[in-house]
Amino acid sequence: METLITILVGVLVAVAVYLLLSRSVIRIILGSAVLSHAIHLLLMVMGGLKKGGVPLIGEETENFADALPQALILTAIVISFAVTAFLLVLAYRTYQEAGSDDLQELRGFKNE
């Protein structure tokens, strides 16, 4: 199962790189969002499935589950959501000012 998810991560990274190399601002933003999701999936696979009890004081179990990968993924999801929202607002504002989302046309924009 881990091999299948690793292949899926590779496909998601390939799609993200394709989107990041395009000329449209919206595609670049979608590419960064897909890349962040691929990284979240990769972190989850690297953390692995740990079977054990809850890491609380007073519990009488021998194995404890590691909560660090889950905390890292949750933090990364929140940060990537905020960055994607900021980039979408920035792209919308740029489209309002320039009238285009093509990077080649924005390069020659006079009010830089």
Protein backbone atom coordinates (compact mmCIF):
# COMPACT_ATOMS: atom_id res chain seq x y z
CA MET A 1 0.00 0.00 0.00
CA GLU A 2 2.86 2.37 0.76
CA THR A 3 4.30 1.76 -2.71
CA LEU A 4 0.99 2.73 -4.32
CA ILE A 5 0.76 5.94 -2.31
CA THR A 6 4.38 6.77 -3.14
CA ILE A 7 3.58 6.38 -6.86
CA LEU A 8 0.54 8.62 -6.35
CA VAL A 9 2.79 11.23 -4.73
CA GLY A 10 5.07 11.06 -7.76
CA VAL A 11 2.13 11.57 -10.13
CA LEU A 12 0.88 14.52 -8.07
CA VAL A 13 4.34 16.12 -8.11
CA ALA A 14 4.52 15.65 -11.90
CA VAL A 15 1.11 17.30 -12.35
CA ALA A 16 2.12 20.13 -10.03
CA VAL A 17 5.35 20.78 -11.91
CA TYR A 18 3.42 20.83 -15.21
CA LEU A 19 0.98 23.38 -13.78
CA LEU A 20 3.77 25.48 -12.25
CA LEU A 21 5.52 25.78 -15.61
CA SER A 22 2.49 27.23 -17.39
CA ARG A 23 1.91 30.89 -18.24
CA SER A 24 -1.43 31.35 -16.48
CA VAL A 25 -1.40 32.68 -12.92
CA ILE A 26 -4.37 30.52 -11.90
CA ARG A 27 -2.61 27.36 -13.13
CA ILE A 28 0.48 28.31 -11.14
CA ILE A 29 -1.62 28.73 -7.99
CA LEU A 30 -3.34 25.38 -8.61
CA GLY A 31 0.07 23.79 -9.16
CA SER A 32 1.33 25.07 -5.83
CA ALA A 33 -1.81 23.75 -4.12
CA VAL A 34 -1.41 20.31 -5.72
CA LEU A 35 2.27 20.25 -4.76
CA SER A 36 1.42 21.05 -1.15
CA HIS A 37 -1.14 18.22 -1.10
CA ALA A 38 1.46 15.85 -2.52
CA ILE A 39 3.85 16.84 0.26
CA HIS A 40 1.14 16.28 2.88
CA LEU A 41 0.54 12.81 1.48
CA LEU A 42 4.28 12.13 1.47
CA LEU A 43 4.57 13.17 5.12
CA MET A 44 1.71 10.85 6.00
CA VAL A 45 3.36 7.92 4.22
CA MET A 46 6.73 8.64 5.82
CA GLY A 47 5.11 8.71 9.26
CA GLY A 48 3.71 5.25 8.71
CA LEU A 49 0.92 3.51 10.57
CA LYS A 50 1.74 3.15 14.23
CA LYS A 51 -0.39 0.88 16.33
CA GLY A 52 -0.44 1.64 20.00
CA GLY A 53 -2.16 3.47 22.78
CA VAL A 54 -2.67 7.13 23.37
CA PRO A 55 0.48 8.83 24.73
CA LEU A 56 -0.94 9.88 28.10
CA ILE A 57 0.61 9.66 31.53
CA GLY A 58 -0.87 6.81 33.51
CA GLU A 59 -1.69 4.58 30.54
CA GLU A 60 -0.52 1.01 30.97
CA THR A 61 0.47 0.18 27.38
CA GLU A 62 3.86 -0.78 26.01
CA ASN A 63 3.60 0.88 22.57
CA PHE A 64 2.50 4.43 22.01
CA ALA A 65 1.35 6.02 18.75
CA ASP A 66 3.48 8.88 17.45
CA ALA A 67 1.44 12.07 17.08
CA LEU A 68 4.20 14.16 15.49
CA PRO A 69 3.43 13.34 11.82
CA GLN A 70 -0.22 14.19 12.34
CA ALA A 71 0.67 17.50 13.97
CA LEU A 72 3.08 18.35 11.16
CA ILE A 73 0.50 17.58 8.48
CA LEU A 74 -2.20 19.59 10.24
CA THR A 75 0.12 22.59 10.54
CA ALA A 76 1.17 22.28 6.89
CA ILE A 77 -2.46 22.10 5.73
CA VAL A 78 -3.34 25.29 7.59
CA ILE A 79 -0.31 27.14 6.24
CA SER A 80 -0.89 25.98 2.66
CA PHE A 81 -4.55 27.00 2.85
CA ALA A 82 -3.55 30.49 3.99
CA VAL A 83 -0.91 30.82 1.25
CA THR A 84 -3.35 29.61 -1.42
CA ALA A 85 -6.01 32.07 -0.25
CA PHE A 86 -3.48 34.91 -0.34
CA LEU A 87 -2.30 33.94 -3.82
CA LEU A 88 -5.88 33.75 -5.12
CA VAL A 89 -6.63 37.24 -3.79
CA LEU A 90 -3.39 38.52 -5.30
CA ALA A 91 -4.24 36.95 -8.67
CA TYR A 92 -7.75 38.42 -8.60
CA ARG A 93 -6.40 41.87 -7.81
CA THR A 94 -3.78 41.56 -10.55
CA TYR A 95 -6.46 40.53 -13.03
CA GLN A 96 -8.55 43.56 -12.05
CA GLU A 97 -5.63 45.92 -12.62
CA ALA A 98 -4.07 44.35 -15.71
CA GLY A 99 -7.05 42.66 -17.35
CA SER A 100 -5.12 39.45 -17.98
CA ASP A 101 -3.66 36.51 -16.10
CA ASP A 102 -0.97 35.69 -18.67
CA LEU A 103 2.51 36.13 -17.22
CA GLN A 104 4.00 37.26 -20.54
CA GLU A 105 1.49 40.10 -20.75
CA LEU A 106 1.98 41.02 -17.09
CA ARG A 107 5.72 41.30 -17.62
CA GLY A 108 5.20 44.33 -19.83
CA PHE A 109 2.64 45.95 -17.51
CA LYS A 110 3.37 49.67 -17.24
CA ASN A 111 2.46 50.27 -13.57
CA GLU A 112 5.06 47.93 -12.05
